[in-house]
Amino acid sequence: METLHITNSHFKSDAPINRLIMLLVVLITLFLVSIAPGWKQAMLSVVLMAIIVGFAIIMIKKSQVAFTLTASHFQQHLFKGGWVVRWKNIDTIGICTYQQEGWHQPLPWIGIRLKHYSPYLNAICPRIATEVLLSQRALLYLGAKQNHCETKFEDMVLDPAPYISKEGIHYDGLQAMLANRMKYQRKFYGYDVFISASDLDREAEEFVGLARRYLAAAEPDT
């Protein structure tokens, strides 16, 4: 399978709408310079517009989420870092669901069930681990609620209990919290790692189909 890069960001300098935005920025800057009473005020106007444009670019970068699919691995790229898993360590990929009135309803999340936690825990950077723990609290709460979990939610959300992997590797601190969160989510949804549908450039079903094709073509775990 060929290497594929996809992103949820549609910001391209040559896109018509973005060319129009940049043209408006230039025109506004020229207007501010023309009405400024002196060269100092003109320079201040230019600096101000540069700050506004720079802030807008930073915000776009922060909201950008990208994915890389290769013959050997699947990787998510975020502004603060990312994570990577090898296809041979993935068991299943699918869309998360919850039960409502006896029917399974889809959630705007894609789930990945791993065979082993250690490679993922070792590869994820602390900042992304923290973001996962904080940003997916609502998903954890929904799972606990629909499964009538006896454990209190506040005890699950940042469970600091040490975690020992199948390979006998001992984890504590942030890695242990993430591993424990993955255990709870697997109990609730059957998956360990989650991708928000809002981070995709296509429908969730289409992305799952694409990922499954890469998974099927990957070399088996030996």
Protein backbone atom coordinates (compact mmCIF):
# COMPACT_ATOMS: atom_id res chain seq x y z
CA MET A 1 0.00 0.00 0.00
CA GLU A 2 1.24 3.49 -0.84
CA THR A 3 1.85 6.10 1.84
CA LEU A 4 -1.16 8.37 2.25
CA HIS A 5 -1.29 11.74 4.03
CA ILE A 6 -4.66 13.23 4.88
CA THR A 7 -5.66 16.26 6.94
CA ASN A 8 -8.78 18.01 8.16
CA SER A 9 -7.28 21.38 7.18
CA HIS A 10 -8.40 22.87 3.89
CA PHE A 11 -6.20 25.94 4.21
CA LYS A 12 -4.15 26.31 1.03
CA SER A 13 -2.61 29.51 -0.17
CA ASP A 14 -3.76 28.87 -3.76
CA ALA A 15 -7.40 28.14 -2.84
CA PRO A 16 -9.78 30.84 -4.23
CA ILE A 17 -11.28 31.73 -0.86
CA ASN A 18 -7.85 32.02 0.77
CA ARG A 19 -6.53 34.14 -2.10
CA LEU A 20 -9.51 36.43 -1.53
CA ILE A 21 -8.77 36.62 2.22
CA MET A 22 -5.13 37.48 1.60
CA LEU A 23 -6.16 40.13 -0.96
CA LEU A 24 -8.52 41.69 1.59
CA VAL A 25 -5.72 41.73 4.18
CA VAL A 26 -3.44 43.56 1.74
CA LEU A 27 -6.15 46.06 0.82
CA ILE A 28 -7.02 46.75 4.47
CA THR A 29 -3.33 47.23 5.27
CA LEU A 30 -2.92 49.68 2.39
CA PHE A 31 -6.05 51.52 3.50
CA LEU A 32 -4.79 51.85 7.07
CA VAL A 33 -1.43 53.09 5.81
CA SER A 34 -3.10 55.65 3.52
CA ILE A 35 -5.25 57.17 6.26
CA ALA A 36 -2.54 57.11 8.94
CA PRO A 37 -1.50 60.69 9.84
CA GLY A 38 2.20 59.90 9.90
CA TRP A 39 4.81 57.26 9.11
CA LYS A 40 4.85 56.03 12.71
CA GLN A 41 1.11 55.42 12.66
CA ALA A 42 1.46 53.77 9.25
CA MET A 43 4.10 51.39 10.56
CA LEU A 44 1.92 50.66 13.59
CA SER A 45 -0.95 49.74 11.28
CA VAL A 46 1.26 47.33 9.33
CA VAL A 47 2.54 45.71 12.53
CA LEU A 48 -1.00 45.36 13.84
CA MET A 49 -2.20 43.63 10.67
CA ALA A 50 0.86 41.34 10.75
CA ILE A 51 0.00 40.35 14.33
CA ILE A 52 -3.62 39.63 13.37
CA VAL A 53 -2.58 37.52 10.37
CA GLY A 54 0.04 35.67 12.42
CA PHE A 55 -2.49 34.90 15.15
CA ALA A 56 -4.95 33.59 12.55
CA ILE A 57 -2.30 31.29 11.04
CA ILE A 58 -1.36 29.94 14.48
CA MET A 59 -5.02 29.18 15.27
CA ILE A 60 -5.36 27.35 11.94
CA LYS A 61 -2.25 25.30 12.69
CA LYS A 62 -3.51 24.41 16.17
CA SER A 63 -6.80 23.11 14.80
CA GLN A 64 -5.13 21.02 12.10
CA VAL A 65 -5.13 17.26 12.55
CA ALA A 66 -3.32 15.04 10.05
CA PHE A 67 -2.97 11.31 9.55
CA THR A 68 -0.37 9.17 7.82
CA LEU A 69 -1.17 5.68 6.58
CA THR A 70 1.70 3.53 5.34
CA ALA A 71 2.15 -0.14 4.64
CA SER A 72 3.49 -0.65 8.17
CA HIS A 73 1.88 1.91 10.49
CA PHE A 74 -0.89 4.40 11.20
CA GLN A 75 -0.03 7.78 12.70
CA GLN A 76 -1.94 10.81 13.96
CA HIS A 77 -0.27 14.24 13.89
CA LEU A 78 -1.46 17.06 16.14
CA PHE A 79 -0.10 20.55 16.83
CA LYS A 80 1.44 19.39 20.13
CA GLY A 81 2.71 16.02 18.92
CA GLY A 82 1.05 12.74 18.03
CA TRP A 83 0.96 8.97 18.32
CA VAL A 84 1.69 6.00 16.11
CA VAL A 85 0.63 2.35 16.02
CA ARG A 86 1.74 -0.43 13.73
CA TRP A 87 -0.96 -2.21 11.76
CA LYS A 88 0.17 -5.55 13.16
CA ASN A 89 -0.69 -4.25 16.65
CA ILE A 90 -4.26 -3.33 15.63
CA ASP A 91 -7.01 -5.87 16.18
CA THR A 92 -10.06 -4.02 14.83
CA ILE A 93 -11.15 -0.55 13.65
CA GLY A 94 -14.75 0.62 13.69
CA ILE A 95 -17.26 3.32 14.55
CA CYS A 96 -18.24 3.65 18.21
CA THR A 97 -21.88 3.10 19.10
CA TYR A 98 -24.09 3.45 22.14
CA GLN A 99 -27.38 1.82 23.02
CA GLN A 100 -30.54 3.91 22.95
CA GLU A 101 -33.94 2.31 23.34
CA GLY A 102 -32.49 -1.06 22.47
CA TRP A 103 -30.76 0.15 19.28
CA HIS A 104 -27.10 0.83 18.65
CA GLN A 105 -26.61 4.44 17.58
CA PRO A 106 -23.34 5.65 16.03
CA LEU A 107 -21.14 8.13 17.89
CA PRO A 108 -18.89 10.68 16.16
CA TRP A 109 -15.85 8.66 17.19
CA ILE A 110 -13.76 6.00 15.46
CA GLY A 111 -12.32 3.34 17.73
CA ILE A 112 -9.14 1.27 17.43
CA ARG A 113 -8.71 -1.92 19.44
CA LEU A 114 -5.06 -2.77 20.11
CA LYS A 115 -3.46 -6.14 20.68
CA HIS A 116 -0.87 -4.75 23.08
CA TYR A 117 -0.88 -1.46 24.99
CA SER A 118 2.87 -1.06 25.48
CA PRO A 119 3.87 0.10 21.96
CA TYR A 120 1.20 2.82 22.05
CA LEU A 121 2.02 3.92 25.59
CA ASN A 122 5.73 4.08 24.77
CA ALA A 123 5.18 6.09 21.57
CA ILE A 124 2.70 8.75 22.70
CA CYS A 125 4.16 12.00 23.99
CA PRO A 126 3.07 13.34 27.43
CA ARG A 127 1.31 16.40 26.03
CA ILE A 128 -0.89 14.29 23.74
CA ALA A 129 -1.57 11.77 26.52
CA THR A 130 -2.79 14.65 28.67
CA GLU A 131 -4.96 15.98 25.86
CA VAL A 132 -6.51 12.54 25.32
CA LEU A 133 -7.36 12.22 29.01
CA LEU A 134 -8.99 15.64 29.10
CA SER A 135 -10.69 15.83 25.69
CA GLN A 136 -12.32 12.39 25.86
CA ARG A 137 -13.96 12.76 29.27
CA ALA A 138 -17.43 13.10 27.71
CA LEU A 139 -16.95 9.81 25.86
CA LEU A 140 -15.91 8.11 29.09
CA TYR A 141 -18.89 9.59 30.95
CA LEU A 142 -21.36 8.36 28.31
CA GLY A 143 -19.86 4.87 28.40
CA ALA A 144 -20.00 4.71 32.19
CA LYS A 145 -23.58 5.97 32.21
CA GLN A 146 -24.96 3.53 29.64
CA ASN A 147 -23.15 0.60 31.27
CA HIS A 148 -24.30 1.56 34.78
CA CYS A 149 -20.72 1.37 35.98
CA GLU A 150 -20.38 0.99 39.74
CA THR A 151 -17.07 2.84 39.83
CA LYS A 152 -17.51 6.57 40.38
CA PHE A 153 -16.77 8.70 37.34
CA GLU A 154 -14.34 10.93 39.24
CA ASP A 155 -12.35 7.81 40.15
CA MET A 156 -12.14 6.72 36.51
CA VAL A 157 -11.40 9.96 34.73
CA LEU A 158 -7.80 10.18 36.02
CA ASP A 159 -7.21 6.76 37.58
CA PRO A 160 -3.58 6.81 38.85
CA ALA A 161 -3.39 3.11 39.76
CA PRO A 162 -0.17 1.49 38.47
CA TYR A 163 -0.61 -0.52 35.28
CA ILE A 164 1.29 -3.69 34.36
CA SER A 165 1.16 -4.70 30.70
CA LYS A 166 0.87 -8.23 29.33
CA GLU A 167 4.62 -8.13 28.79
CA GLY A 168 5.17 -7.36 32.48
CA ILE A 169 6.13 -3.71 31.90
CA HIS A 170 5.23 -1.50 34.84
CA TYR A 171 3.69 1.92 34.16
CA ASP A 172 2.81 4.68 36.57
CA GLY A 173 1.99 8.37 36.44
CA LEU A 174 0.57 9.72 33.19
CA GLN A 175 1.15 6.50 31.25
CA ALA A 176 -0.72 4.50 33.89
CA MET A 177 -3.63 6.97 33.77
CA LEU A 178 -3.83 6.57 30.00
CA ALA A 179 -3.63 2.77 30.19
CA ASN A 180 -6.39 2.67 32.81
CA ARG A 181 -8.53 4.97 30.66
CA MET A 182 -8.03 2.60 27.74
CA LYS A 183 -9.16 -0.34 29.89
CA TYR A 184 -12.35 1.46 30.88
CA GLN A 185 -13.09 2.48 27.29
CA ARG A 186 -12.52 -1.05 26.03
CA LYS A 187 -15.04 -2.28 28.59
CA PHE A 188 -17.58 0.34 27.47
CA TYR A 189 -17.03 0.43 23.70
CA GLY A 190 -14.67 -2.39 22.79
CA TYR A 191 -11.91 -0.01 21.68
CA ASP A 192 -8.78 1.54 23.22
CA VAL A 193 -7.78 4.49 21.00
CA PHE A 194 -10.27 7.00 19.63
CA ILE A 195 -10.35 9.46 16.74
CA SER A 196 -12.94 12.22 16.59
CA ALA A 197 -14.98 12.27 13.37
CA SER A 198 -14.57 16.06 13.33
CA ASP A 199 -10.81 15.56 12.77
CA LEU A 200 -11.37 13.80 9.44
CA ASP A 201 -11.50 15.09 5.88
CA ARG A 202 -14.22 12.59 4.95
CA GLU A 203 -17.15 10.69 6.41
CA ALA A 204 -16.32 8.36 9.30
CA GLU A 205 -17.54 5.28 7.39
CA GLU A 206 -15.28 6.10 4.46
CA PHE A 207 -12.27 6.59 6.74
CA VAL A 208 -12.93 3.28 8.50
CA GLY A 209 -13.14 1.50 5.15
CA LEU A 210 -9.83 3.05 4.07
CA ALA A 211 -8.09 2.09 7.34
CA ARG A 212 -9.43 -1.46 7.12
CA ARG A 213 -7.96 -1.86 3.64
CA TYR A 214 -4.54 -0.89 4.96
CA LEU A 215 -5.03 -3.19 7.94
CA ALA A 216 -5.95 -6.12 5.68
CA ALA A 217 -2.93 -5.52 3.46
CA ALA A 218 -0.45 -5.28 6.33
CA GLU A 219 1.87 -8.14 7.15
CA PRO A 220 0.45 -10.36 9.93
CA ASP A 221 1.96 -10.33 13.40
CA THR A 222 4.43 -13.20 13.65
